[in-house]
Protein backbone atom coordinates (compact mmCIF):
# COMPACT_ATOMS: atom_id res chain seq x y z
CA UNK A 1 -26.07 -19.12 -8.90
CA UNK A 2 -24.95 -21.99 -6.71
CA UNK A 3 -21.31 -21.95 -5.78
CA UNK A 4 -20.19 -25.54 -6.11
CA UNK A 5 -16.97 -25.42 -4.18
CA UNK A 6 -16.28 -24.84 -0.49
CA UNK A 7 -13.48 -24.28 1.97
CA UNK A 8 -12.31 -27.77 2.93
CA UNK A 9 -12.42 -27.81 6.74
CA UNK A 10 -15.59 -29.68 7.73
CA UNK A 11 -16.24 -32.45 10.19
CA UNK A 12 -16.57 -35.88 8.55
CA UNK A 13 -19.81 -37.52 9.63
CA UNK A 14 -20.69 -41.26 9.54
CA UNK A 15 -24.14 -42.80 9.27
CA UNK A 16 -24.91 -46.16 10.88
CA UNK A 17 -26.04 -48.88 8.45
CA UNK A 18 -29.70 -49.77 8.37
CA UNK A 19 -31.37 -52.69 6.63
CA UNK A 20 -34.33 -51.69 4.51
CA UNK A 21 -36.48 -53.27 1.83
CA UNK A 22 -35.20 -52.43 -1.65
CA UNK A 23 -36.83 -52.34 -5.09
CA UNK A 24 -38.55 -55.20 -6.86
CA UNK A 25 -36.71 -57.00 -9.64
CA UNK A 26 -38.77 -55.17 -12.21
CA UNK A 27 -37.53 -51.86 -10.78
CA UNK A 28 -33.92 -52.92 -10.43
CA UNK A 29 -31.23 -50.79 -12.00
CA UNK A 30 -27.57 -51.45 -12.62
CA UNK A 31 -25.50 -50.00 -9.80
CA UNK A 32 -21.89 -49.02 -9.64
CA UNK A 33 -20.71 -50.44 -6.31
CA UNK A 34 -17.01 -49.78 -6.75
CA UNK A 35 -17.00 -46.46 -4.89
CA UNK A 36 -18.78 -47.45 -1.67
CA UNK A 37 -19.60 -50.28 0.68
CA UNK A 38 -23.27 -51.05 1.25
CA UNK A 39 -22.84 -50.58 4.98
CA UNK A 40 -22.19 -46.87 4.42
CA UNK A 41 -25.69 -46.11 3.15
CA UNK A 42 -29.33 -46.60 4.06
CA UNK A 43 -30.51 -49.80 2.40
CA UNK A 44 -33.57 -48.26 0.75
CA UNK A 45 -32.86 -46.73 -2.64
CA UNK A 46 -34.57 -44.62 -5.27
CA UNK A 47 -35.04 -45.46 -8.91
CA UNK A 48 -33.15 -43.02 -11.13
CA UNK A 49 -36.42 -42.30 -12.94
CA UNK A 50 -37.96 -41.15 -9.66
CA UNK A 51 -35.28 -38.48 -9.39
CA UNK A 52 -35.91 -37.24 -12.92
CA UNK A 53 -39.70 -37.23 -12.49
CA UNK A 54 -39.42 -35.39 -9.19
CA UNK A 55 -37.24 -32.65 -10.68
CA UNK A 56 -39.61 -32.27 -13.62
CA UNK A 57 -42.49 -31.61 -11.19
CA UNK A 58 -40.63 -29.30 -8.79
CA UNK A 59 -39.27 -26.29 -10.63
CA UNK A 60 -38.03 -24.66 -7.41
CA UNK A 61 -35.19 -27.15 -7.35
CA UNK A 62 -34.35 -26.72 -11.03
CA UNK A 63 -31.16 -24.69 -10.45
CA UNK A 64 -29.82 -27.59 -8.39
CA UNK A 65 -30.98 -30.49 -10.57
CA UNK A 66 -27.51 -31.58 -11.65
CA UNK A 67 -26.24 -31.42 -8.07
CA UNK A 68 -29.18 -33.51 -6.86
CA UNK A 69 -28.72 -36.09 -9.61
CA UNK A 70 -24.98 -36.26 -9.03
CA UNK A 71 -25.43 -36.61 -5.26
CA UNK A 72 -27.71 -39.66 -5.63
CA UNK A 73 -25.69 -41.13 -8.47
CA UNK A 74 -22.55 -41.15 -6.32
CA UNK A 75 -24.36 -42.83 -3.43
CA UNK A 76 -25.98 -45.35 -5.82
CA UNK A 77 -29.39 -43.69 -5.29
CA UNK A 78 -29.58 -44.71 -1.63
CA UNK A 79 -31.71 -42.58 0.70
CA UNK A 80 -29.97 -39.90 2.76
CA UNK A 81 -32.68 -38.59 5.11
CA UNK A 82 -35.01 -41.52 5.86
CA UNK A 83 -33.86 -44.83 7.34
CA UNK A 84 -35.51 -47.90 8.84
CA UNK A 85 -36.31 -46.00 12.03
CA UNK A 86 -37.95 -43.14 10.17
CA UNK A 87 -36.73 -39.65 9.39
CA UNK A 88 -33.18 -38.86 10.61
CA UNK A 89 -32.02 -36.31 13.16
CA UNK A 90 -30.15 -34.46 10.42
CA UNK A 91 -33.44 -33.84 8.60
CA UNK A 92 -34.85 -32.40 11.81
CA UNK A 93 -31.75 -30.25 12.17
CA UNK A 94 -32.23 -28.79 8.68
CA UNK A 95 -35.89 -27.98 9.33
CA UNK A 96 -35.05 -26.39 12.71
CA UNK A 97 -32.41 -24.18 11.11
CA UNK A 98 -34.90 -23.09 8.44
CA UNK A 99 -37.49 -22.21 11.08
CA UNK A 100 -35.00 -20.37 13.27
CA UNK A 101 -33.80 -18.29 10.33
CA UNK A 102 -37.39 -17.37 9.50
CA UNK A 103 -38.03 -16.37 13.12
CA UNK A 104 -34.84 -14.31 13.25
CA UNK A 105 -35.88 -12.17 10.30
CA UNK A 106 -34.60 -13.85 7.12
CA UNK A 107 -37.65 -13.39 4.90
CA UNK A 108 -37.24 -15.72 1.92
CA UNK A 109 -39.95 -18.23 1.02
CA UNK A 110 -37.43 -20.60 -0.56
CA UNK A 111 -35.63 -20.88 2.79
CA UNK A 112 -38.77 -21.62 4.79
CA UNK A 113 -40.43 -24.03 2.37
CA UNK A 114 -43.77 -24.89 3.96
CA UNK A 115 -44.28 -27.91 1.69
CA UNK A 116 -41.00 -29.48 2.78
CA UNK A 117 -41.87 -28.77 6.42
CA UNK A 118 -45.27 -30.43 5.97
CA UNK A 119 -43.68 -33.52 4.38
CA UNK A 120 -41.23 -33.78 7.28
CA UNK A 121 -44.02 -33.42 9.86
CA UNK A 122 -46.18 -36.04 8.10
CA UNK A 123 -43.44 -38.67 8.05
CA UNK A 124 -42.36 -37.90 11.62
CA UNK A 125 -45.94 -38.40 12.82
CA UNK A 126 -46.29 -41.74 11.01
CA UNK A 127 -43.53 -43.30 13.11
CA UNK A 128 -43.59 -47.11 12.97
CA UNK A 129 -46.67 -47.10 10.74
CA UNK A 130 -44.71 -45.51 7.89
CA UNK A 131 -45.08 -47.43 4.62
CA UNK A 132 -41.72 -46.99 2.97
CA UNK A 133 -43.17 -47.74 -0.46
CA UNK A 134 -45.59 -44.85 -0.13
CA UNK A 135 -44.89 -42.11 -2.67
CA UNK A 136 -44.67 -39.56 0.14
CA UNK A 137 -41.43 -41.19 1.32
CA UNK A 138 -39.49 -40.70 -1.92
CA UNK A 139 -40.97 -37.22 -2.38
CA UNK A 140 -39.93 -36.23 1.16
CA UNK A 141 -36.43 -37.68 0.62
CA UNK A 142 -35.85 -35.76 -2.59
CA UNK A 143 -37.48 -32.59 -1.23
CA UNK A 144 -35.12 -32.56 1.75
CA UNK A 145 -32.12 -32.93 -0.53
CA UNK A 146 -33.35 -30.17 -2.80
CA UNK A 147 -34.05 -27.93 0.19
CA UNK A 148 -30.59 -28.56 1.56
CA UNK A 149 -29.02 -27.26 -1.66
CA UNK A 150 -31.28 -24.20 -1.60
CA UNK A 151 -30.38 -23.52 2.04
CA UNK A 152 -26.66 -24.11 1.57
CA UNK A 153 -26.54 -21.84 -1.46
CA UNK A 154 -28.28 -18.91 0.19
CA UNK A 155 -27.58 -19.15 3.91
CA UNK A 156 -24.04 -20.46 3.69
CA UNK A 157 -23.03 -19.14 0.28
CA UNK A 158 -24.74 -15.76 0.24
CA UNK A 159 -28.20 -14.54 -0.72
CA UNK A 160 -26.69 -11.85 -2.96
CA UNK A 161 -23.82 -13.88 -4.41
CA UNK A 162 -24.35 -12.54 -7.94
CA UNK A 163 -24.23 -8.87 -6.96
CA UNK A 164 -20.61 -8.40 -5.90
CA UNK A 165 -19.85 -5.56 -8.30
CA UNK A 166 -23.10 -3.74 -7.51
CA UNK A 167 -22.21 -3.95 -3.82
CA UNK A 168 -18.61 -2.82 -4.47
CA UNK A 169 -17.22 -5.86 -2.67
CA UNK A 170 -14.11 -7.18 -4.42
CA UNK A 171 -12.84 -9.67 -1.84
CA UNK A 172 -13.15 -13.13 -3.46
CA UNK A 173 -16.17 -14.98 -2.09
CA UNK A 174 -15.65 -18.27 -0.30
CA UNK A 175 -16.32 -21.36 -2.38
CA UNK A 176 -18.57 -24.19 -1.28
CA UNK A 177 -18.50 -27.84 -2.28
CA UNK A 178 -22.09 -28.31 -1.17
CA UNK A 179 -22.37 -31.85 -2.52
CA UNK A 180 -19.40 -33.02 -0.46
CA UNK A 181 -20.75 -31.17 2.57
CA UNK A 182 -24.14 -32.87 2.27
CA UNK A 183 -22.50 -36.27 1.94
CA UNK A 184 -20.54 -35.60 5.13
CA UNK A 185 -23.55 -34.31 7.04
CA UNK A 186 -25.85 -37.27 6.35
CA UNK A 187 -23.23 -39.74 7.53
CA UNK A 188 -23.60 -39.01 11.23
CA UNK A 189 -27.00 -38.39 12.82
CA UNK A 190 -25.33 -37.92 16.22
CA UNK A 191 -23.67 -34.65 15.33
CA UNK A 192 -25.81 -31.51 15.27
CA UNK A 193 -26.17 -30.03 11.82
CA UNK A 194 -25.54 -26.55 13.22
CA UNK A 195 -22.05 -27.59 14.35
CA UNK A 196 -21.05 -28.34 10.74
CA UNK A 197 -22.20 -25.03 9.26
CA UNK A 198 -19.56 -23.62 6.89
CA UNK A 199 -19.81 -20.09 8.26
CA UNK A 200 -17.44 -17.72 10.00
CA UNK A 201 -17.61 -17.64 13.81
CA UNK A 202 -18.76 -14.01 13.66
CA UNK A 203 -21.81 -15.12 11.69
CA UNK A 204 -22.90 -17.40 14.51
CA UNK A 205 -22.25 -14.69 17.09
CA UNK A 206 -24.39 -12.19 15.19
CA UNK A 207 -27.14 -14.76 14.70
CA UNK A 208 -27.19 -15.31 18.49
CA UNK A 209 -27.42 -11.55 19.02
CA UNK A 210 -30.24 -11.36 16.49
CA UNK A 211 -32.18 -14.02 18.40
CA UNK A 212 -31.65 -12.13 21.68
CA UNK A 213 -32.79 -8.90 20.08
CA UNK A 214 -35.87 -10.57 18.61
CA UNK A 215 -36.80 -11.88 22.05
CA UNK A 216 -36.22 -8.41 23.48
CA UNK A 217 -38.56 -6.82 20.92
CA UNK A 218 -41.29 -9.32 21.83
CA UNK A 219 -40.87 -8.47 25.51
CA UNK A 220 -40.55 -4.71 25.02
CA UNK A 221 -42.35 -3.98 21.72
CA UNK A 222 -41.82 -0.23 21.99
CA UNK A 223 -40.38 2.38 24.29
CA UNK A 224 -40.81 6.10 24.75
CA UNK A 225 -38.30 8.41 23.15
CA UNK A 226 -35.72 10.20 25.26
CA UNK A 227 -35.83 13.91 24.50
CA UNK A 228 -33.43 16.77 25.08
CA UNK A 229 -35.18 20.13 25.35
CA UNK A 230 -32.21 21.70 23.61
CA UNK A 231 -30.26 19.62 21.05
CA UNK A 232 -27.05 21.28 22.23
CA UNK A 233 -27.69 20.36 25.85
CA UNK A 234 -25.32 17.84 27.47
CA UNK A 235 -25.20 16.02 30.80
CA UNK A 236 -22.15 14.68 32.59
CA UNK A 237 -21.18 13.09 35.89
CA UNK A 238 -22.69 14.97 38.84
CA UNK A 239 -25.67 16.42 36.91
CA UNK A 240 -29.33 15.67 37.64
CA UNK A 241 -32.20 15.43 35.17
CA UNK A 242 -35.17 13.28 34.14
CA UNK A 243 -33.21 12.61 30.94
CA UNK A 244 -30.50 10.93 33.04
CA UNK A 245 -33.07 8.60 34.64
CA UNK A 246 -34.38 7.68 31.17
CA UNK A 247 -30.85 6.99 29.90
CA UNK A 248 -30.19 4.75 32.91
CA UNK A 249 -33.33 2.74 32.18
CA UNK A 250 -32.49 2.33 28.51
CA UNK A 251 -28.87 1.31 29.16
CA UNK A 252 -30.09 -1.18 31.76
CA UNK A 253 -32.40 -2.76 29.17
CA UNK A 254 -29.49 -3.05 26.72
CA UNK A 255 -27.20 -4.58 29.35
CA UNK A 256 -24.69 -1.73 29.62
CA UNK A 257 -25.93 -0.50 33.00
CA UNK A 258 -25.94 -3.24 35.64
CA UNK A 259 -27.51 -1.25 38.48
CA UNK A 260 -31.19 -1.06 39.49
CA UNK A 261 -30.81 2.64 40.26
CA UNK A 262 -33.28 4.77 38.25
CA UNK A 263 -32.72 8.12 40.02
CA UNK A 264 -32.09 11.36 38.15
CA UNK A 265 -28.50 11.64 39.45
CA UNK A 266 -25.60 11.12 37.00
CA UNK A 267 -23.43 8.69 39.01
CA UNK A 268 -19.92 7.35 38.36
CA UNK A 269 -21.50 3.96 37.56
CA UNK A 270 -23.61 5.58 34.85
CA UNK A 271 -20.48 7.31 33.53
CA UNK A 272 -18.79 3.91 33.16
CA UNK A 273 -21.86 2.31 31.54
CA UNK A 274 -22.27 5.21 29.14
CA UNK A 275 -18.63 5.02 28.04
CA UNK A 276 -19.08 1.31 27.35
CA UNK A 277 -22.18 2.00 25.26
CA UNK A 278 -20.48 4.84 23.39
CA UNK A 279 -17.44 2.66 22.62
CA UNK A 280 -19.51 -0.14 21.12
CA UNK A 281 -21.54 2.35 19.09
CA UNK A 282 -18.42 4.04 17.69
CA UNK A 283 -19.01 7.33 19.50
CA UNK A 284 -16.38 9.24 21.42
CA UNK A 285 -16.34 7.40 24.80
CA UNK A 286 -16.35 10.51 26.98
CA UNK A 287 -19.24 9.69 29.34
CA UNK A 288 -21.27 12.71 28.22
CA UNK A 289 -24.95 12.48 27.27
CA UNK A 290 -25.47 14.48 24.09
CA UNK A 291 -27.83 14.39 21.12
CA UNK A 292 -25.76 11.71 19.34
CA UNK A 293 -26.17 9.37 22.32
CA UNK A 294 -29.88 10.06 22.61
CA UNK A 295 -30.41 9.47 18.88
CA UNK A 296 -28.72 6.07 19.12
CA UNK A 297 -30.76 5.08 22.19
CA UNK A 298 -33.99 6.15 20.47
CA UNK A 299 -33.31 4.23 17.27
CA UNK A 300 -35.83 1.35 16.87
CA UNK A 301 -34.43 -2.08 17.60
CA UNK A 302 -35.73 -3.20 14.21
CA UNK A 303 -33.08 -0.90 12.69
CA UNK A 304 -30.33 -2.74 14.55
CA UNK A 305 -31.87 -6.11 13.67
CA UNK A 306 -31.70 -5.18 9.99
CA UNK A 307 -28.10 -4.11 10.49
CA UNK A 308 -27.31 -7.53 11.98
CA UNK A 309 -28.93 -9.26 9.00
CA UNK A 310 -26.93 -7.13 6.55
CA UNK A 311 -23.65 -8.03 8.21
CA UNK A 312 -24.62 -11.68 8.51
CA UNK A 313 -25.00 -11.60 4.72
CA UNK A 314 -21.47 -10.19 4.33
CA UNK A 315 -20.15 -12.85 6.69
CA UNK A 316 -21.62 -15.53 4.41
CA UNK A 317 -19.09 -14.41 1.80
CA UNK A 318 -15.92 -14.60 3.89
CA UNK A 319 -13.73 -17.62 4.75
CA UNK A 320 -14.97 -19.91 7.50
CA UNK A 321 -11.66 -19.54 9.31
CA UNK A 322 -8.32 -17.91 8.53
CA UNK A 323 -5.46 -19.53 10.45
CA UNK A 324 -2.56 -17.59 8.91
CA UNK A 325 -1.10 -14.18 9.73
CA UNK A 326 -3.10 -11.40 8.09
CA UNK A 327 -4.24 -7.80 8.37
CA UNK A 328 -7.87 -6.69 8.40
CA UNK A 329 -8.92 -3.07 8.01
CA UNK A 330 -12.59 -2.53 8.85
CA UNK A 331 -13.60 0.68 7.11
CA UNK A 332 -16.68 1.67 9.20
CA UNK A 333 -14.72 0.95 12.39
CA UNK A 334 -11.70 3.00 11.24
CA UNK A 335 -9.44 0.31 12.73
CA UNK A 336 -6.65 -1.98 11.59
CA UNK A 337 -6.37 -5.44 13.18
CA UNK A 338 -3.23 -7.60 12.96
CA UNK A 339 -3.74 -11.36 13.32
CA UNK A 340 -1.15 -14.02 14.14
CA UNK A 341 -2.10 -17.60 13.31
CA UNK A 342 -5.68 -16.44 12.92
CA UNK A 343 -5.84 -14.77 16.37
CA UNK A 344 -5.95 -11.06 17.09
CA UNK A 345 -2.53 -9.72 18.08
CA UNK A 346 -3.13 -5.97 18.22
CA UNK A 347 -5.14 -3.12 16.69
CA UNK A 348 -4.77 0.57 15.92
CA UNK A 349 -6.74 3.48 14.49
CA UNK A 350 -6.69 4.31 10.80
CA UNK A 351 -7.96 7.08 8.54
CA UNK A 352 -9.81 5.91 5.42
CA UNK A 353 -11.13 7.59 2.29
CA UNK A 354 -13.87 10.21 2.32
CA UNK A 355 -17.30 9.18 0.99
CA UNK A 356 -16.39 10.97 -2.24
CA UNK A 357 -13.07 9.10 -2.53
CA UNK A 358 -14.01 5.89 -0.78
CA UNK A 359 -11.54 3.15 0.11
CA UNK A 360 -12.25 0.06 -1.99
CA UNK A 361 -13.30 -3.26 -0.39
CA UNK A 362 -10.80 -5.84 -1.65
CA UNK A 363 -7.95 -8.16 -0.64
CA UNK A 364 -4.37 -8.55 -1.83
CA UNK A 365 -1.03 -9.68 -0.45
CA UNK A 366 1.47 -7.24 1.06
CA UNK A 367 4.82 -7.59 -0.69
CA UNK A 368 6.86 -4.51 0.20
CA UNK A 369 7.66 -2.14 3.04
CA UNK A 370 9.00 1.18 1.78
CA UNK A 371 10.94 3.34 4.23
CA UNK A 372 11.36 7.09 3.69
CA UNK A 373 9.09 6.95 0.62
CA UNK A 374 8.57 9.39 -2.18
CA UNK A 375 4.98 10.42 -2.73
CA UNK A 376 4.03 10.39 -6.38
CA UNK A 377 1.20 12.88 -6.59
CA UNK A 378 -1.89 11.17 -8.08
CA UNK A 379 -3.30 12.68 -11.31
CA UNK A 380 -6.46 13.97 -9.61
CA UNK A 381 -4.57 15.81 -6.87
CA UNK A 382 -1.96 16.98 -9.41
CA UNK A 383 -4.67 18.54 -11.56
CA UNK A 384 -6.82 20.04 -8.81
CA UNK A 385 -4.22 21.16 -6.27
CA UNK A 386 -0.57 20.97 -7.31
CA UNK A 387 -0.57 22.35 -10.85
CA UNK A 388 -2.67 25.40 -9.86
CA UNK A 389 -0.19 26.02 -7.05
CA UNK A 390 2.76 25.78 -9.42
CA UNK A 391 1.11 28.14 -11.91
CA UNK A 392 0.55 30.65 -9.12
CA UNK A 393 3.87 30.44 -7.26
CA UNK A 394 6.24 28.55 -9.56
CA UNK A 395 9.24 26.82 -8.00
CA UNK A 396 8.45 28.42 -4.62
CA UNK A 397 5.41 26.12 -4.39
CA UNK A 398 7.62 23.08 -5.06
CA UNK A 399 10.20 24.13 -2.45
CA UNK A 400 7.53 24.90 0.13
CA UNK A 401 6.08 21.38 -0.25
CA UNK A 402 9.45 19.63 -0.68
CA UNK A 403 8.41 18.53 -4.18
CA UNK A 404 10.15 18.03 -7.48
CA UNK A 405 9.01 17.69 -11.08
CA UNK A 406 9.97 14.67 -13.15
CA UNK A 407 9.52 13.79 -16.81
CA UNK A 408 9.21 16.24 -19.67
CA UNK A 409 6.79 17.56 -22.26
CA UNK A 410 3.32 16.15 -21.82
CA UNK A 411 4.57 13.48 -19.39
CA UNK A 412 5.40 15.76 -16.49
CA UNK A 413 4.68 14.40 -13.02
CA UNK A 414 5.35 15.68 -9.51
CA UNK A 415 6.59 13.80 -6.48
CA UNK A 416 7.22 14.79 -2.88
CA UNK A 417 10.66 13.98 -1.52
CA UNK A 418 11.23 11.83 1.59
CA UNK A 419 11.13 13.69 4.86
CA UNK A 420 9.03 14.47 7.94
CA UNK A 421 6.51 16.55 5.95
CA UNK A 422 5.98 13.88 3.28
CA UNK A 423 2.28 13.09 2.88
CA UNK A 424 3.05 9.37 3.28
CA UNK A 425 5.06 9.97 6.43
CA UNK A 426 8.11 7.81 7.02
CA UNK A 427 6.92 4.43 5.77
CA UNK A 428 4.36 2.84 3.47
CA UNK A 429 3.17 -0.73 2.99
CA UNK A 430 2.43 -1.98 -0.50
CA UNK A 431 0.07 -4.76 -1.55
CA UNK A 432 -0.02 -4.07 -5.32
CA UNK A 433 -3.55 -3.58 -6.63
CA UNK A 434 -5.45 -1.92 -9.45
CA UNK A 435 -6.95 0.65 -7.07
CA UNK A 436 -3.58 2.15 -6.06
CA UNK A 437 -4.49 1.80 -2.37
CA UNK A 438 -1.90 1.14 0.32
CA UNK A 439 -1.22 1.64 4.02
CA UNK A 440 1.03 4.51 5.10
CA UNK A 441 2.22 6.83 7.82
CA UNK A 442 1.14 10.49 7.85
CA UNK A 443 2.35 13.77 9.39
CA UNK A 444 -1.31 14.66 10.18
CA UNK A 445 -1.47 12.80 13.49
CA UNK A 446 -4.33 14.86 14.97
CA UNK A 447 -6.95 13.18 12.76
CA UNK A 448 -6.52 9.86 14.58
CA UNK A 449 -8.22 11.39 17.62
CA UNK A 450 -11.48 11.93 15.72
CA UNK A 451 -14.30 9.41 16.27
CA UNK A 452 -15.11 9.27 12.55
CA UNK A 453 -11.96 9.13 10.46
CA UNK A 454 -12.83 9.31 6.76
CA UNK A 455 -10.50 12.06 5.56
CA UNK A 456 -8.11 10.56 3.00
CA UNK A 457 -8.17 10.40 -0.80
CA UNK A 458 -8.66 6.62 -0.61
CA UNK A 459 -5.44 5.25 0.86
CA UNK A 460 -5.30 4.17 4.50
CA UNK A 461 -3.31 6.16 7.06
CA UNK A 462 -2.02 4.17 10.04
CA UNK A 463 -1.73 5.66 13.53
CA UNK A 464 1.10 3.31 14.59
CA UNK A 465 3.28 2.91 11.47
CA UNK A 466 6.46 1.95 13.32
CA UNK A 467 4.65 -0.78 15.25
CA UNK A 468 3.18 -2.07 12.01
CA UNK A 469 6.62 -2.13 10.38
CA UNK A 470 8.03 -4.03 13.35
CA UNK A 471 5.16 -6.52 13.23
CA UNK A 472 5.38 -7.09 9.49
CA UNK A 473 9.16 -7.60 9.67
CA UNK A 474 9.23 -9.40 13.05
CA UNK A 475 10.28 -12.74 11.57
CA UNK A 476 13.35 -11.19 9.95
CA UNK A 477 15.90 -10.85 12.76
CA UNK A 478 18.00 -8.39 10.73
CA UNK A 479 15.28 -5.75 11.07
CA UNK A 480 15.81 -4.56 14.62
CA UNK A 481 13.96 -1.61 16.14
CA UNK A 482 17.08 0.52 15.71
CA UNK A 483 17.39 -0.40 12.04
CA UNK A 484 13.72 0.38 11.42
CA UNK A 485 14.11 3.77 13.14
CA UNK A 486 17.14 4.56 11.01
CA UNK A 487 15.39 3.58 7.78
CA UNK A 488 12.29 5.64 8.63
CA UNK A 489 14.47 8.73 9.19
CA UNK A 490 17.11 8.19 6.51
CA UNK A 491 15.64 10.69 4.04
CA UNK A 492 16.40 8.15 1.30
CA UNK A 493 13.80 5.78 -0.09
CA UNK A 494 14.41 2.07 0.63
CA UNK A 495 12.27 -0.85 -0.59
CA UNK A 496 12.16 -4.04 1.51
CA UNK A 497 10.68 -7.15 -0.10
CA UNK A 498 8.84 -9.38 2.35
CA UNK A 499 10.12 -12.94 2.49
CA UNK A 500 6.56 -14.16 2.98
CA UNK A 501 3.64 -12.30 1.46
CA UNK A 502 1.05 -11.11 3.97
CA UNK A 503 -2.71 -11.19 3.18
CA UNK A 504 -4.45 -7.85 3.61
CA UNK A 505 -8.25 -7.59 3.74
CA UNK A 506 -10.00 -4.26 3.42
CA UNK A 507 -13.49 -5.07 4.73
CA UNK A 508 -16.77 -3.34 5.50
CA UNK A 509 -18.66 -4.47 8.61
CA UNK A 510 -21.07 -2.21 10.49
CA UNK A 511 -21.96 -4.80 13.15
CA UNK A 512 -19.82 -7.39 14.95
CA UNK A 513 -19.09 -8.90 18.35
CA UNK A 514 -15.71 -7.77 19.66
CA UNK A 515 -13.09 -9.68 21.65
CA UNK A 516 -14.80 -8.59 24.89
CA UNK A 517 -18.09 -10.12 23.77
CA UNK A 518 -19.71 -6.72 23.16
CA UNK A 519 -22.08 -6.17 20.24
CA UNK A 520 -20.78 -3.23 18.18
CA UNK A 521 -22.53 -1.05 15.63
CA UNK A 522 -21.13 1.58 13.29
CA UNK A 523 -22.55 4.09 10.83
CA UNK A 524 -22.87 3.19 7.16
CA UNK A 525 -20.07 5.56 6.15
CA UNK A 526 -20.19 4.79 2.40
CA UNK A 527 -23.85 3.81 2.02
CA UNK A 528 -23.05 0.13 1.34
CA UNK A 529 -25.59 -1.02 3.94
CA UNK A 530 -28.28 0.93 2.10
CA UNK A 531 -27.43 -0.77 -1.21
CA UNK A 532 -27.41 -4.22 0.34
CA UNK A 533 -30.71 -3.52 2.14
CA UNK A 534 -32.40 -2.87 -1.21
CA UNK A 535 -31.37 -6.33 -2.37
CA UNK A 536 -32.24 -8.15 0.86
CA UNK A 537 -35.29 -6.24 2.04
CA UNK A 538 -36.43 -4.30 -1.03
CA UNK A 539 -36.04 -1.01 0.80
């Protein structure tokens, strides 16, 4: 379903006035000229009946019929795509974007409408000989408008916009005012249509990477697999092997290895290149060739191209630009990113939920920092772990875990007291939500050294909790480092209400371009890529 509203920040475009023969008196219609000046629009105009007849004959534009009618009604039925010089640059821009998307792997016949392309080509070829009263002109005009709404809905709004719950994505989708966007776009033929796209910068970066990868596949359609004789075999700096030569060649193709050396010797330069590759693939960057590295290098590039397309789809859902302070946790990356005025300030490792107790994809606003928190044992953990322990050891179990029982009768609950062994550590960060998920410290620091960090019951453990507390409270001068240290070690719970709520986004991206310009990939830790692939690719 078409989303009719959009984030507001788009360039305003202006279209030069053109004189053009209008309708005969017998075709004349009453026009409301109070909302525009004639100089703003192309002189040639449609008859309102032409719009209705066109929509009756072209069912593919049926879902957008009211938008199309409203668009022309507001511009007094004046043409948008064809002027006295012929078809506009903006029409060419739309067709080019459609063709590029088809070439990059977006397989959707409604996005690469061959009939619309043929109409465009026909009018472009006519040039000065174009008869503007020919039926093909009005059909081409209306077809381009209809195609724009189709394109905007799917490419800029999301091809799976009606499947949020099925995809377990609960971050509100961006809203698009496509009609207003189209009106802005057709006003200035000098500005490239691509520059006005209402998409996040990451979307454009991934689309560029997809194009590069497509070109690479054409140049190198297939490559031989790299094989380890023993899956437990590893190679490190100083070793020699034919496998090492093959890894050098593959990393050189992918741009990680800048040398022309293809010898069998494991050099320091290969060590550096391999660490770079491992880092952007989410592996432990230790410079050791092992089966995990070989598997990633052997994976077909079509797999990575599909992964790019999946994440481009997710990026269609998110805001075009966020200019405020906010926190983003990317689940497959196992990282938290803090942004100031929309720009990355710092990042740290996190631990997220296991696949069986996955962390939900959603967004809320942080409202509280809680120092020296109690941990109220969740019902599931209470039933499976704590109550059996109490039945076996009684109060000794409670003392051993620094816990206490509260309530009475059938309403008994258990909580862990503040202290260094508390499961939430010394501080937690609350952004109230129906999933009971929050950020918190932890006494289990060793897990942050693991490459894959999905170990929690659903909440998000932060490797640098003190730094996060300082960052969240940095605009409140009363919260000095010393005061934060004292509160974290007070052994007494203290709630701090934030003066300004802080947006928190828990996202899921398995491909992105990082701040160093490197293309990153991660494993589909919760299987969300697989679900989205079924919708996009039918696989």
